[in-house]
Amino acid sequence: MSSFRRFTSVRTLIVLAALGSVALAAAAGVLTLPARSQGAAPASPPQAAVPVTATPVTRRDVPLTLTGLGTVQASQTVNLRTRVDGTLQEVAFREGQHVKAGDVLARLDPRLTEAALAQARATKAKDEAQLRSAQADLSRSLALASKDFASKQQLDQQQATVDQLKATIAADQAAIDSATTNLDYMTITAPTNGRMGIRQADAGNVVHPSDVLPIGILATLKPVAVLFTLPEKHLQAMQEAMRSGPVPITATDQSGTVLGTGRVTVIDNRIDPTTATLRLKAEFPNGDERLWPGAFVHVAVTVSVLKNALTVPDAAVQRGPDGLYAWVVDGDSIAQMRPIETGATEGDLTVVTKGLSDGDQVVTGGQYRLRPRTHVTVRGPDGSTTAPRKIAPGPSVATETIGAVSQDLSRSQDLSRNPDLSRNSGAAQAPGVAKAKDTP
C-alpha cells in the first residue's frame, strides 16, 4: 500500500513538473511575441474581395457638341389685318388649314369702295372735258393774238386755265388709283405658304386697321426657325465651324426625343452684355411639323469631331477634394485611385485627356466601398461575383500541448482515488512520462 502511495506521489510530481514546463514555455512565447512584432508585422487575415462592375476604356470618334436652350419660331408669321375700314363679308379659311401664297382668306364688303372708284373716274372725265375746251380757247386766242386781235393778258389767262385742268386731271387719276387699291384691299389673300391659326373675327363684324386682334394668323412651319443662345466663350468655335461649312444642329424635347435636325444659319451681330450670351438662329425643314412655334427645345450643335479619343462611361468619373479621379483595376484585381483630366462629353461617355491609357479597366459601379489597393472581384454580365477562398486558422501547438497535459493530470487524479485502476490497466500513463519503479 505504501509503495502504491509513493508511486502516485512521484507520478503527481512528474505531472506537475510537466505542467510547469509547458506554462513556462507558453509564457516565454507570449513574452517574445512583441519582440518579433518589432522586426516584422504579423500577417493580417485575408480581406474579402469587393464586388464591382468595370469596363475597359475605349477609343472612338467623339463629336464636339455645344448645347443650349432655344425657342421655336415660324420662319414667317403674318397677322391678317384689313388695310381699310369695312364690313367683313366672308372668312374664306378654315382654322388649321394649310394655305398657299395667293389663296383668298377673307373678303370685305366692296360696295362703298366701288362707288368711290366710280366717282373718281367720273370726276376725271369731267375735268378732261374742261381741259379740251380750255385748250381750244387757247388755240383760238393764239390765232387772234398773231393778228393783234387778242391781248397778252388774255393769252396768259387761257394758258393758266389749261395748266390748272391738267393738274386737276392728275389728281383725279390719283383718286382713281387710291380707290382701285382700296378695292383690292377688300380681298385679303395669303402672302406666303403656311398654316392658319384660330379665327379671331367672324363675318359681319366691322373691322378697322387699328384693331388689336387680327382676323387670323398665318405661320410658315416648313421650314421653321429656332432661336437659341450659347455662352460668349463659344463665339470663336462657332465662327470657325461656320467658315468650314454647314453646321449641323439637333433639337430635342425635355425627354430627349429628337424633334428634328437642321443647320445653323446666322450668328447675331452682338453679344448680350447682361447675360454674356450669343444669339444664333437655325433652320429646320420640319417636314413632319414636330417643331411647333413657341416651344422650348434643347439644341446640340456639332462644331467638330475629335478623332480616336479615349473615352470612359460617365459613371467612372468621380470627383474628390483634389479634382477628378477614376478607380482602375490592375492585372492583380487591385483597385487604384488615379487622377484624371476630362474633355468633351457625348451621351453617357466622357473624353479623358490625361490619366488613363489604352488597356486600363475602370470601375463603373461599387466605388463607394473602395479604398486604395482594395482587392476586387469584377462582376460578370449576369451580375455574378467570384470571391477568394478564406482559410480558417487552426489551433496553436501550445494549445494542443496544454490540452494533452491537462488530460494526463485528470487521469492521475483518478488513479489516486481508485488504486484498482492502476493494477488493471498498466497502459494508463501520460504520453512522454516514464513509468516509475516500485521501491521497497
Protein backbone atom coordinates (compact mmCIF):
# COMPACT_ATOMS: atom_id res chain seq x y z
CA MET A 1 0.00 0.00 0.00
CA SER A 2 2.86 2.34 0.85
CA SER A 3 4.52 1.51 -2.44
CA PHE A 4 1.39 2.48 -4.33
CA ARG A 5 1.17 5.78 -2.46
CA ARG A 6 4.79 6.54 -3.22
CA PHE A 7 4.14 5.69 -6.85
CA THR A 8 1.18 8.04 -7.11
CA SER A 9 3.07 10.81 -5.32
CA VAL A 10 6.00 10.54 -7.67
CA ARG A 11 3.64 10.42 -10.67
CA THR A 12 1.80 13.51 -9.44
CA LEU A 13 5.07 15.39 -9.01
CA ILE A 14 6.13 14.45 -12.54
CA VAL A 15 2.81 15.65 -13.99
CA LEU A 16 3.00 18.91 -12.06
CA ALA A 17 6.55 19.44 -13.29
CA ALA A 18 5.42 18.88 -16.88
CA LEU A 19 2.60 21.35 -16.47
CA GLY A 20 5.00 23.91 -15.10
CA SER A 21 7.35 23.43 -18.05
CA VAL A 22 4.51 23.92 -20.51
CA ALA A 23 3.34 27.04 -18.69
CA LEU A 24 6.85 28.49 -18.73
CA ALA A 25 7.17 27.74 -22.43
CA ALA A 26 3.85 29.41 -23.17
CA ALA A 27 4.82 32.46 -21.11
CA ALA A 28 8.14 32.69 -22.92
CA GLY A 29 6.32 32.59 -26.22
CA VAL A 30 3.98 35.38 -25.16
CA LEU A 31 6.89 37.49 -23.93
CA THR A 32 8.87 37.03 -27.12
CA LEU A 33 5.86 37.86 -29.33
CA PRO A 34 6.21 41.67 -29.04
CA ALA A 35 9.91 41.43 -29.80
CA ARG A 36 9.09 39.63 -33.04
CA SER A 37 6.43 42.16 -33.96
CA GLN A 38 9.02 44.91 -33.79
CA GLY A 39 11.00 43.29 -36.55
CA ALA A 40 8.15 42.30 -38.90
CA ALA A 41 4.40 42.91 -38.84
CA PRO A 42 2.26 39.83 -38.38
CA ALA A 43 0.35 38.65 -41.41
CA SER A 44 -3.18 40.06 -41.43
CA PRO A 45 -6.07 37.77 -42.26
CA PRO A 46 -7.15 37.87 -45.91
CA GLN A 47 -9.78 40.53 -46.72
CA ALA A 48 -12.95 39.74 -48.63
CA ALA A 49 -12.87 40.93 -52.25
CA VAL A 50 -15.20 43.83 -53.04
CA PRO A 51 -17.53 43.13 -55.97
CA VAL A 52 -17.53 45.91 -58.56
CA THR A 53 -18.52 46.45 -62.16
CA ALA A 54 -15.80 47.59 -64.54
CA THR A 55 -15.29 48.27 -68.22
CA PRO A 56 -12.22 48.89 -70.37
CA VAL A 57 -11.52 52.32 -71.79
CA THR A 58 -12.32 52.67 -75.48
CA ARG A 59 -11.24 54.85 -78.37
CA ARG A 60 -13.76 56.36 -80.76
CA ASP A 61 -14.56 59.48 -82.77
CA VAL A 62 -16.38 61.90 -80.48
CA PRO A 63 -18.36 64.84 -81.91
CA LEU A 64 -17.61 68.07 -80.05
CA THR A 65 -21.07 69.38 -79.27
CA LEU A 66 -22.28 72.65 -77.78
CA THR A 67 -25.65 72.56 -76.04
CA GLY A 68 -28.16 75.25 -75.21
CA LEU A 69 -31.82 76.17 -74.95
CA GLY A 70 -33.85 77.55 -77.83
CA THR A 71 -37.31 78.70 -78.84
CA VAL A 72 -39.09 77.54 -81.96
CA GLN A 73 -40.36 80.29 -84.24
CA ALA A 74 -42.20 80.22 -87.52
CA SER A 75 -39.93 81.26 -90.35
CA GLN A 76 -42.66 83.75 -91.32
CA THR A 77 -45.59 84.99 -89.23
CA VAL A 78 -48.30 87.18 -90.79
CA ASN A 79 -51.11 88.89 -88.88
CA LEU A 80 -54.04 89.13 -91.25
CA ARG A 81 -55.50 92.63 -90.84
CA THR A 82 -57.63 94.80 -93.04
CA ARG A 83 -55.98 97.82 -94.64
CA VAL A 84 -59.25 99.78 -94.85
CA ASP A 85 -62.37 100.17 -92.79
CA GLY A 86 -65.17 97.89 -93.84
CA THR A 87 -67.55 95.10 -93.01
CA LEU A 88 -66.14 91.58 -93.01
CA GLN A 89 -68.20 89.87 -95.66
CA GLU A 90 -66.57 86.43 -95.72
CA VAL A 91 -63.92 84.41 -93.85
CA ALA A 92 -62.63 82.06 -96.52
CA PHE A 93 -60.20 79.92 -94.49
CA ARG A 94 -60.65 77.07 -92.02
CA GLU A 95 -58.84 77.07 -88.73
CA GLY A 96 -55.67 75.00 -89.06
CA GLN A 97 -55.85 74.99 -92.85
CA HIS A 98 -52.66 74.80 -94.90
CA VAL A 99 -52.77 77.58 -97.49
CA LYS A 100 -50.58 78.68 -100.37
CA ALA A 101 -49.50 82.14 -101.42
CA GLY A 102 -52.35 83.92 -103.25
CA ASP A 103 -55.20 81.93 -101.67
CA VAL A 104 -58.19 84.12 -100.67
CA LEU A 105 -58.55 84.20 -96.89
CA ALA A 106 -61.20 86.91 -96.30
CA ARG A 107 -63.36 89.43 -98.14
CA LEU A 108 -64.82 92.79 -97.11
CA ASP A 109 -67.96 94.44 -98.46
CA PRO A 110 -66.63 96.31 -101.56
CA ARG A 111 -69.65 98.46 -102.43
CA LEU A 112 -68.50 101.71 -100.84
CA THR A 113 -65.08 101.38 -102.39
CA GLU A 114 -66.53 100.58 -105.79
CA ALA A 115 -68.69 103.71 -105.56
CA ALA A 116 -65.69 105.84 -104.63
CA LEU A 117 -63.82 104.45 -107.61
CA ALA A 118 -66.68 105.25 -109.96
CA GLN A 119 -66.88 108.78 -108.62
CA ALA A 120 -63.17 109.34 -109.11
CA ARG A 121 -63.40 108.14 -112.68
CA ALA A 122 -66.36 110.46 -113.39
CA THR A 123 -64.54 113.43 -111.94
CA LYS A 124 -61.59 112.74 -114.13
CA ALA A 125 -63.79 112.52 -117.22
CA LYS A 126 -65.40 115.89 -116.40
CA ASP A 127 -62.03 117.55 -115.90
CA GLU A 128 -60.71 116.08 -119.11
CA ALA A 129 -63.68 117.62 -120.99
CA GLN A 130 -62.96 121.00 -119.44
CA LEU A 131 -59.34 120.67 -120.41
CA ARG A 132 -60.24 120.05 -124.03
CA SER A 133 -62.44 123.17 -124.03
CA ALA A 134 -59.71 125.28 -122.44
CA GLN A 135 -57.15 124.05 -124.94
CA ALA A 136 -59.49 125.01 -127.81
CA ASP A 137 -59.95 128.50 -126.38
CA LEU A 138 -56.20 128.88 -126.06
CA SER A 139 -55.67 127.90 -129.68
CA ARG A 140 -58.17 130.49 -130.89
CA SER A 141 -56.60 133.19 -128.71
CA LEU A 142 -53.19 132.45 -130.15
CA ALA A 143 -54.57 132.87 -133.69
CA LEU A 144 -56.13 136.21 -132.79
CA ALA A 145 -53.02 137.38 -131.00
CA SER A 146 -50.97 136.79 -134.12
CA LYS A 147 -53.17 139.42 -135.83
CA ASP A 148 -53.13 141.69 -132.79
CA PHE A 149 -56.78 140.95 -132.03
CA ALA A 150 -56.06 139.40 -128.55
CA SER A 151 -54.09 140.84 -125.69
CA LYS A 152 -51.15 139.27 -123.95
CA GLN A 153 -53.11 139.09 -120.68
CA GLN A 154 -55.88 137.10 -122.31
CA LEU A 155 -53.39 134.55 -123.61
CA ASP A 156 -51.81 134.14 -120.19
CA GLN A 157 -55.16 133.53 -118.51
CA GLN A 158 -56.16 130.86 -121.01
CA GLN A 159 -52.78 129.15 -120.67
CA ALA A 160 -53.17 129.08 -116.88
CA THR A 161 -56.62 127.53 -117.22
CA VAL A 162 -55.21 124.74 -119.37
CA ASP A 163 -52.39 124.02 -116.90
CA GLN A 164 -54.81 124.02 -113.96
CA LEU A 165 -57.08 121.50 -115.63
CA LYS A 166 -54.12 119.23 -116.39
CA ALA A 167 -53.17 119.24 -112.69
CA THR A 168 -56.77 118.51 -111.74
CA ILE A 169 -56.85 115.53 -114.07
CA ALA A 170 -53.64 114.22 -112.48
CA ALA A 171 -55.32 114.47 -109.05
CA ASP A 172 -58.34 112.68 -110.45
CA GLN A 173 -56.11 109.85 -111.61
CA ALA A 174 -54.57 109.61 -108.17
CA ALA A 175 -58.04 109.33 -106.66
CA ILE A 176 -58.82 106.56 -109.12
CA ASP A 177 -55.63 104.73 -108.18
CA SER A 178 -56.43 105.08 -104.48
CA ALA A 179 -59.95 103.76 -104.95
CA THR A 180 -58.63 100.88 -107.04
CA THR A 181 -56.12 99.98 -104.32
CA ASN A 182 -58.79 100.14 -101.63
CA LEU A 183 -60.94 97.87 -103.75
CA ASP A 184 -58.06 95.40 -103.92
CA TYR A 185 -57.81 95.58 -100.12
CA MET A 186 -61.37 94.30 -99.93
CA THR A 187 -59.93 90.86 -100.69
CA ILE A 188 -57.31 89.52 -98.23
CA THR A 189 -55.00 86.87 -99.69
CA ALA A 190 -52.20 84.74 -98.24
CA PRO A 191 -48.81 86.39 -98.80
CA THR A 192 -46.92 83.12 -98.30
CA ASN A 193 -47.39 79.41 -97.74
CA GLY A 194 -48.28 78.42 -94.21
CA ARG A 195 -50.80 77.17 -91.71
CA MET A 196 -53.71 79.24 -90.46
CA GLY A 197 -54.37 79.63 -86.76
CA ILE A 198 -57.55 80.26 -84.83
CA ARG A 199 -60.01 82.74 -86.36
CA GLN A 200 -60.27 85.99 -84.38
CA ALA A 201 -63.16 87.68 -86.27
CA ASP A 202 -66.33 86.44 -87.85
CA ALA A 203 -68.24 87.59 -90.92
CA GLY A 204 -70.48 90.58 -90.32
CA ASN A 205 -68.12 92.41 -87.99
CA VAL A 206 -66.84 95.86 -88.87
CA VAL A 207 -63.06 95.72 -88.97
CA HIS A 208 -60.51 98.50 -88.85
CA PRO A 209 -56.76 98.69 -89.48
CA SER A 210 -56.28 99.71 -85.83
CA ASP A 211 -57.97 96.63 -84.35
CA VAL A 212 -55.93 94.90 -81.62
CA LEU A 213 -56.72 91.39 -82.77
CA PRO A 214 -56.12 90.33 -86.37
CA ILE A 215 -58.61 88.35 -88.38
CA GLY A 216 -56.21 85.41 -88.17
CA ILE A 217 -52.52 84.50 -88.02
CA LEU A 218 -50.67 82.74 -90.80
CA ALA A 219 -47.45 80.92 -89.80
CA THR A 220 -44.93 79.25 -92.07
CA LEU A 221 -43.86 75.95 -90.46
CA LYS A 222 -41.92 74.45 -93.36
CA PRO A 223 -39.19 75.41 -92.77
CA VAL A 224 -39.21 76.52 -89.15
CA ALA A 225 -36.62 78.55 -87.23
CA VAL A 226 -35.08 78.04 -83.79
CA LEU A 227 -33.52 80.92 -81.88
CA PHE A 228 -31.05 79.78 -79.21
CA THR A 229 -28.23 81.14 -77.07
CA LEU A 230 -24.72 79.97 -76.24
CA PRO A 231 -22.14 81.35 -73.81
CA GLU A 232 -19.97 84.02 -75.39
CA LYS A 233 -16.86 81.84 -74.95
CA HIS A 234 -18.10 79.67 -77.85
CA LEU A 235 -18.15 82.53 -80.36
CA GLN A 236 -14.80 81.66 -81.94
CA ALA A 237 -15.65 77.96 -82.20
CA MET A 238 -18.94 78.78 -83.92
CA GLN A 239 -17.30 81.20 -86.34
CA GLU A 240 -14.66 78.64 -87.32
CA ALA A 241 -17.29 75.94 -87.75
CA MET A 242 -19.48 78.12 -90.00
CA ARG A 243 -16.49 79.13 -92.12
CA SER A 244 -15.68 75.47 -92.72
CA GLY A 245 -19.17 74.57 -93.97
CA PRO A 246 -22.75 73.91 -92.84
CA VAL A 247 -23.00 73.45 -89.08
CA PRO A 248 -25.46 70.68 -88.14
CA ILE A 249 -27.82 71.12 -85.21
CA THR A 250 -30.25 68.78 -83.45
CA ALA A 251 -33.34 69.78 -81.47
CA THR A 252 -34.78 67.57 -78.71
CA ASP A 253 -37.60 67.92 -76.22
CA GLN A 254 -37.29 67.65 -72.43
CA SER A 255 -37.42 63.85 -72.55
CA GLY A 256 -34.55 63.70 -75.06
CA THR A 257 -36.69 62.77 -78.06
CA VAL A 258 -35.21 64.13 -81.28
CA LEU A 259 -37.62 66.55 -82.93
CA GLY A 260 -35.54 67.43 -85.97
CA THR A 261 -32.16 68.21 -87.46
CA GLY A 262 -31.16 71.34 -89.33
CA ARG A 263 -28.32 73.79 -89.79
CA VAL A 264 -27.18 77.00 -88.15
CA THR A 265 -27.89 79.95 -90.46
CA VAL A 266 -26.74 83.08 -88.66
CA ILE A 267 -24.83 84.39 -85.65
CA ASP A 268 -26.19 87.60 -84.18
CA ASN A 269 -24.03 90.70 -84.61
CA ARG A 270 -23.78 91.40 -80.89
CA ILE A 271 -23.35 89.69 -77.51
CA ASP A 272 -25.91 90.41 -74.83
CA PRO A 273 -23.87 92.22 -72.14
CA THR A 274 -26.37 91.44 -69.38
CA THR A 275 -26.23 87.66 -69.83
CA ALA A 276 -22.89 87.26 -71.66
CA THR A 277 -24.62 85.08 -74.23
CA LEU A 278 -24.65 84.95 -78.00
CA ARG A 279 -27.86 84.59 -80.02
CA LEU A 280 -27.94 82.26 -83.01
CA LYS A 281 -30.57 81.15 -85.47
CA ALA A 282 -31.04 77.75 -87.08
CA GLU A 283 -33.35 76.47 -89.78
CA PHE A 284 -35.12 73.09 -89.73
CA PRO A 285 -37.03 71.57 -92.69
CA ASN A 286 -39.71 70.38 -90.23
CA GLY A 287 -41.38 68.15 -92.77
CA ASP A 288 -43.36 66.31 -90.08
CA GLU A 289 -44.14 69.55 -88.19
CA ARG A 290 -42.81 68.20 -84.89
CA LEU A 291 -41.24 71.57 -84.14
CA TRP A 292 -44.03 73.93 -83.10
CA PRO A 293 -43.70 77.70 -82.77
CA GLY A 294 -43.36 78.86 -79.18
CA ALA A 295 -41.98 75.56 -77.86
CA PHE A 296 -38.77 75.37 -75.83
CA VAL A 297 -36.23 72.86 -77.10
CA HIS A 298 -32.77 71.64 -76.23
CA VAL A 299 -30.29 72.13 -79.06
CA ALA A 300 -26.96 70.44 -79.71
CA VAL A 301 -24.57 72.00 -82.23
CA THR A 302 -21.75 69.85 -83.59
CA VAL A 303 -18.78 72.16 -84.19
CA SER A 304 -16.13 69.48 -84.89
CA VAL A 305 -15.24 65.80 -84.39
CA LEU A 306 -12.49 64.62 -82.03
CA LYS A 307 -10.80 61.70 -83.78
CA ASN A 308 -9.78 58.50 -81.92
CA ALA A 309 -10.45 59.92 -78.45
CA LEU A 310 -10.04 57.91 -75.23
CA THR A 311 -13.47 57.59 -73.60
CA VAL A 312 -14.96 56.15 -70.41
CA PRO A 313 -18.54 55.94 -69.15
CA ASP A 314 -19.69 58.93 -67.13
CA ALA A 315 -20.17 56.65 -64.10
CA ALA A 316 -16.42 56.01 -63.96
CA VAL A 317 -15.58 59.69 -63.40
CA GLN A 318 -15.51 60.58 -59.69
CA ARG A 319 -14.96 63.95 -58.04
CA GLY A 320 -12.80 64.35 -54.94
CA PRO A 321 -11.24 67.19 -52.95
CA ASP A 322 -8.23 67.18 -55.28
CA GLY A 323 -10.21 67.02 -58.51
CA LEU A 324 -11.45 64.27 -60.80
CA TYR A 325 -10.30 60.67 -60.49
CA ALA A 326 -11.21 57.14 -61.54
CA TRP A 327 -10.75 53.72 -59.95
CA VAL A 328 -8.56 51.49 -62.15
CA VAL A 329 -8.38 47.69 -61.71
CA ASP A 330 -4.92 46.27 -62.44
CA GLY A 331 -3.98 42.76 -63.52
CA ASP A 332 -3.93 41.51 -59.91
CA SER A 333 -7.53 42.66 -59.33
CA ILE A 334 -6.33 45.54 -57.14
CA ALA A 335 -8.21 48.85 -57.34
CA GLN A 336 -6.11 52.01 -57.52
CA MET A 337 -7.27 55.62 -57.42
CA ARG A 338 -5.92 57.51 -60.42
CA PRO A 339 -6.28 61.30 -61.02
CA ILE A 340 -7.64 62.16 -64.47
CA GLU A 341 -8.47 65.14 -66.65
CA THR A 342 -11.54 65.14 -68.87
CA GLY A 343 -12.68 66.90 -72.01
CA ALA A 344 -15.87 66.83 -74.01
CA THR A 345 -18.85 64.59 -73.30
CA GLU A 346 -21.07 62.77 -75.76
CA GLY A 347 -24.15 60.99 -74.45
CA ASP A 348 -23.06 58.90 -71.46
CA LEU A 349 -19.37 58.95 -72.46
CA THR A 350 -16.63 61.31 -71.30
CA VAL A 351 -13.36 62.01 -73.09
CA VAL A 352 -10.31 61.51 -70.85
CA THR A 353 -7.37 63.71 -71.87
CA LYS A 354 -4.94 62.70 -69.13
CA GLY A 355 -4.52 59.94 -66.54
CA LEU A 356 -5.66 56.84 -68.43
CA SER A 357 -4.23 54.80 -71.27
CA ASP A 358 -5.26 52.00 -73.60
CA GLY A 359 -5.98 48.74 -71.79
CA ASP A 360 -7.00 50.30 -68.49
CA GLN A 361 -10.10 48.92 -66.84
CA VAL A 362 -12.15 51.46 -64.90
CA VAL A 363 -14.73 50.80 -62.19
CA THR A 364 -18.24 51.95 -63.07
CA GLY A 365 -20.15 50.56 -60.09
CA GLY A 366 -19.41 49.91 -56.41
CA GLN A 367 -16.84 52.72 -55.97
CA TYR A 368 -18.24 53.74 -52.58
CA ARG A 369 -16.73 50.59 -50.98
CA LEU A 370 -13.26 51.02 -52.41
CA ARG A 371 -10.06 52.14 -50.75
CA PRO A 372 -6.59 52.30 -52.33
CA ARG A 373 -5.24 48.80 -53.03
CA THR A 374 -8.57 47.12 -52.36
CA HIS A 375 -8.86 43.61 -53.75
CA VAL A 376 -11.89 43.48 -56.05
CA THR A 377 -13.92 40.97 -57.97
CA VAL A 378 -15.28 42.24 -61.26
CA ARG A 379 -18.91 41.40 -61.85
CA GLY A 380 -19.76 39.49 -64.95
CA PRO A 381 -22.52 40.38 -67.39
CA ASP A 382 -25.00 38.33 -65.33
CA GLY A 383 -24.05 40.09 -62.09
CA SER A 384 -22.28 37.07 -60.54
CA THR A 385 -19.11 37.55 -58.48
CA THR A 386 -16.19 35.28 -57.57
CA ALA A 387 -14.77 35.87 -54.11
CA PRO A 388 -11.35 34.48 -52.94
CA ARG A 389 -11.38 31.41 -50.67
CA LYS A 390 -10.73 32.05 -46.97
CA ILE A 391 -8.64 29.56 -44.84
CA ALA A 392 -9.80 29.21 -41.24
CA PRO A 393 -6.88 29.37 -38.71
CA GLY A 394 -6.20 26.05 -36.78
CA PRO A 395 -5.33 25.58 -33.09
CA SER A 396 -1.82 26.50 -31.92
CA VAL A 397 0.82 23.98 -30.72
CA ALA A 398 0.77 25.39 -27.20
CA THR A 399 -2.97 24.83 -27.00
CA GLU A 400 -2.57 21.17 -28.08
CA THR A 401 0.21 20.53 -25.54
CA ILE A 402 -1.64 22.09 -22.61
CA GLY A 403 -4.72 20.09 -23.52
CA ALA A 404 -2.75 16.82 -23.54
CA VAL A 405 -1.07 17.50 -20.17
CA SER A 406 -4.39 18.50 -18.63
CA GLN A 407 -5.77 15.16 -19.77
CA ASP A 408 -2.89 13.27 -18.10
CA LEU A 409 -3.35 15.19 -14.84
CA SER A 410 -7.00 14.26 -14.78
CA ARG A 411 -6.09 10.58 -15.30
CA SER A 412 -3.55 10.70 -12.44
CA GLN A 413 -6.15 12.11 -10.08
CA ASP A 414 -8.48 9.26 -10.99
CA LEU A 415 -5.73 6.73 -10.15
CA SER A 416 -5.14 8.30 -6.75
CA ARG A 417 -8.81 7.92 -5.87
CA ASN A 418 -9.08 4.32 -7.21
CA PRO A 419 -5.85 2.25 -6.93
CA ASP A 420 -7.50 -0.69 -8.68
CA LEU A 421 -7.35 1.22 -11.96
CA SER A 422 -3.53 1.16 -11.85
CA ARG A 423 -3.45 -2.61 -11.30
CA ASN A 424 -5.97 -3.40 -14.03
CA SER A 425 -4.55 -1.03 -16.60
CA GLY A 426 -0.80 -0.98 -16.94
CA ALA A 427 -1.00 1.23 -20.01
CA ALA A 428 -2.67 4.18 -18.33
CA GLN A 429 0.13 6.73 -18.29
CA ALA A 430 0.69 10.12 -19.69
CA PRO A 431 2.43 10.33 -23.06
CA GLY A 432 6.07 11.15 -22.71
CA VAL A 433 6.19 10.39 -18.92
CA ALA A 434 8.40 7.43 -17.84
CA LYS A 435 6.83 4.65 -15.73
CA ALA A 436 8.03 4.78 -12.05
CA LYS A 437 9.55 1.70 -10.42
CA ASP A 438 8.40 0.41 -7.03
CA THR A 439 10.99 0.89 -4.25
CA PRO A 440 10.98 -1.25 -1.14
